N, C-alpha and C. Protein backbone atom coordinates (compact mmCIF):
# COMPACT_ATOMS: atom_id res chain seq x y z
N MET A 1 69.17 82.21 79.52
CA MET A 1 69.54 83.59 79.42
C MET A 1 70.61 83.96 80.45
N SER A 2 70.53 83.43 81.64
CA SER A 2 71.54 83.75 82.64
C SER A 2 72.90 83.16 82.26
N GLU A 3 72.89 82.05 81.50
CA GLU A 3 74.16 81.47 81.04
C GLU A 3 74.84 82.40 80.05
N GLU A 4 74.06 83.06 79.19
CA GLU A 4 74.64 84.00 78.24
C GLU A 4 75.26 85.19 78.97
N ASN A 5 74.58 85.71 79.96
CA ASN A 5 75.11 86.84 80.74
C ASN A 5 76.39 86.42 81.48
N HIS A 6 76.36 85.20 82.01
CA HIS A 6 77.54 84.70 82.72
C HIS A 6 78.71 84.56 81.75
N GLN A 7 78.44 84.07 80.56
CA GLN A 7 79.51 83.89 79.56
C GLN A 7 80.06 85.25 79.13
N GLU A 8 79.19 86.24 78.94
CA GLU A 8 79.65 87.57 78.56
C GLU A 8 80.50 88.18 79.67
N ALA A 9 80.12 87.99 80.92
CA ALA A 9 80.90 88.51 82.04
C ALA A 9 82.26 87.83 82.10
N ALA A 10 82.30 86.53 81.85
CA ALA A 10 83.57 85.80 81.87
C ALA A 10 84.46 86.28 80.73
N ASP A 11 83.88 86.52 79.56
CA ASP A 11 84.67 87.00 78.42
C ASP A 11 85.23 88.39 78.71
N SER A 12 84.46 89.26 79.33
CA SER A 12 84.95 90.61 79.61
C SER A 12 86.04 90.57 80.68
N ASN A 13 85.93 89.65 81.65
CA ASN A 13 86.97 89.53 82.67
C ASN A 13 88.27 88.99 82.07
N GLU A 14 88.17 88.07 81.13
CA GLU A 14 89.36 87.52 80.51
C GLU A 14 90.04 88.55 79.62
N SER A 15 89.26 89.41 78.97
CA SER A 15 89.85 90.38 78.07
C SER A 15 90.46 91.57 78.84
N GLU A 16 90.06 91.76 80.10
CA GLU A 16 90.59 92.87 80.90
C GLU A 16 91.97 92.49 81.42
N ARG A 17 92.98 93.30 81.05
CA ARG A 17 94.35 93.03 81.49
C ARG A 17 94.58 93.60 82.87
N ILE A 18 95.32 92.85 83.68
CA ILE A 18 95.73 93.34 84.99
C ILE A 18 97.00 94.16 84.79
N PRO A 19 97.04 95.39 85.29
CA PRO A 19 98.23 96.23 85.10
C PRO A 19 99.48 95.59 85.72
N PHE A 20 100.63 95.88 85.11
CA PHE A 20 101.89 95.28 85.54
C PHE A 20 102.21 95.63 86.99
N MET A 21 102.03 96.89 87.37
CA MET A 21 102.36 97.29 88.74
C MET A 21 101.46 96.59 89.75
N GLN A 22 100.21 96.32 89.39
CA GLN A 22 99.33 95.60 90.31
C GLN A 22 99.80 94.17 90.47
N GLN A 23 100.21 93.53 89.38
CA GLN A 23 100.75 92.18 89.46
C GLN A 23 102.01 92.16 90.33
N LEU A 24 102.84 93.19 90.16
CA LEU A 24 104.08 93.27 90.93
C LEU A 24 103.79 93.45 92.42
N LEU A 25 102.89 94.36 92.76
CA LEU A 25 102.60 94.66 94.15
C LEU A 25 101.71 93.62 94.82
N ASP A 26 101.10 92.73 94.05
CA ASP A 26 100.29 91.66 94.62
C ASP A 26 101.13 90.46 95.03
N ASN A 27 102.43 90.48 94.73
CA ASN A 27 103.30 89.35 95.04
C ASN A 27 104.00 89.60 96.38
N PRO A 28 103.55 88.95 97.48
CA PRO A 28 104.14 89.24 98.79
C PRO A 28 105.59 88.79 98.91
N PHE A 29 105.98 87.71 98.23
CA PHE A 29 107.36 87.23 98.33
C PHE A 29 108.32 88.18 97.63
N LEU A 30 107.89 88.74 96.52
CA LEU A 30 108.73 89.73 95.84
C LEU A 30 108.89 90.98 96.71
N LEU A 31 107.81 91.41 97.35
CA LEU A 31 107.89 92.58 98.22
C LEU A 31 108.81 92.30 99.41
N LEU A 32 108.74 91.09 99.96
CA LEU A 32 109.62 90.72 101.06
C LEU A 32 111.07 90.73 100.61
N PHE A 33 111.34 90.16 99.44
CA PHE A 33 112.70 90.13 98.90
C PHE A 33 113.23 91.54 98.68
N LEU A 34 112.43 92.40 98.07
CA LEU A 34 112.86 93.77 97.83
C LEU A 34 113.04 94.54 99.13
N GLY A 35 112.18 94.29 100.10
CA GLY A 35 112.26 94.98 101.38
C GLY A 35 113.49 94.59 102.19
N VAL A 36 114.06 93.43 101.92
CA VAL A 36 115.27 93.01 102.61
C VAL A 36 116.52 93.42 101.83
N THR A 37 116.50 93.22 100.52
CA THR A 37 117.71 93.43 99.72
C THR A 37 118.03 94.91 99.49
N ILE A 38 117.03 95.74 99.24
CA ILE A 38 117.31 97.14 98.93
C ILE A 38 117.95 97.86 100.14
N PRO A 39 117.42 97.74 101.36
CA PRO A 39 118.12 98.37 102.49
C PRO A 39 119.51 97.77 102.71
N THR A 40 119.67 96.47 102.50
CA THR A 40 120.98 95.85 102.67
C THR A 40 122.00 96.44 101.71
N ILE A 41 121.60 96.60 100.47
CA ILE A 41 122.51 97.18 99.47
C ILE A 41 122.88 98.62 99.85
N PHE A 42 121.88 99.40 100.27
CA PHE A 42 122.17 100.78 100.65
C PHE A 42 123.09 100.86 101.87
N TYR A 43 122.89 99.99 102.86
CA TYR A 43 123.75 100.02 104.04
C TYR A 43 125.17 99.58 103.69
N ILE A 44 125.33 98.63 102.78
CA ILE A 44 126.66 98.22 102.35
C ILE A 44 127.36 99.37 101.64
N ILE A 45 126.65 100.04 100.74
CA ILE A 45 127.24 101.19 100.03
C ILE A 45 127.60 102.30 101.01
N TRP A 46 126.71 102.57 101.97
CA TRP A 46 126.96 103.59 102.98
C TRP A 46 128.19 103.23 103.81
N GLY A 47 128.31 101.97 104.21
CA GLY A 47 129.46 101.52 104.98
C GLY A 47 130.76 101.65 104.21
N VAL A 48 130.75 101.30 102.94
CA VAL A 48 131.96 101.43 102.11
C VAL A 48 132.33 102.90 101.98
N MET A 49 131.36 103.78 101.80
CA MET A 49 131.66 105.22 101.71
C MET A 49 132.25 105.74 103.02
N GLU A 50 131.74 105.28 104.15
CA GLU A 50 132.29 105.71 105.44
C GLU A 50 133.72 105.23 105.61
N ILE A 51 134.01 104.00 105.23
CA ILE A 51 135.37 103.46 105.36
C ILE A 51 136.34 104.22 104.46
N VAL A 52 135.90 104.56 103.26
CA VAL A 52 136.76 105.29 102.31
C VAL A 52 137.09 106.68 102.83
N THR A 53 136.16 107.31 103.55
CA THR A 53 136.38 108.68 104.01
C THR A 53 137.23 108.77 105.28
N ILE A 54 137.57 107.64 105.92
CA ILE A 54 138.41 107.67 107.12
C ILE A 54 139.82 108.06 106.71
N PRO A 55 140.39 109.07 107.35
CA PRO A 55 141.76 109.46 106.97
C PRO A 55 142.79 108.39 107.38
N ILE A 56 143.83 108.29 106.58
CA ILE A 56 144.86 107.30 106.83
C ILE A 56 145.76 107.81 107.96
N ALA A 57 146.03 106.96 108.97
CA ALA A 57 146.89 107.35 110.09
C ALA A 57 148.35 107.36 109.67
N LYS A 58 149.10 108.30 110.27
CA LYS A 58 150.53 108.39 109.95
C LYS A 58 151.39 108.03 111.13
């Protein structure tokens, strides 16, 4: 009888889908990659905007 209960619990766990955002946030390497690249991209864009706004010397 305990084997039947164990099998039913295993079947219910297999049928339960893990949400996409949980899969995404459970990946530490992806979070590390995003935490490095997103600020880098924003700082590059910010730097380019600052350089463009410098007036041209005459």
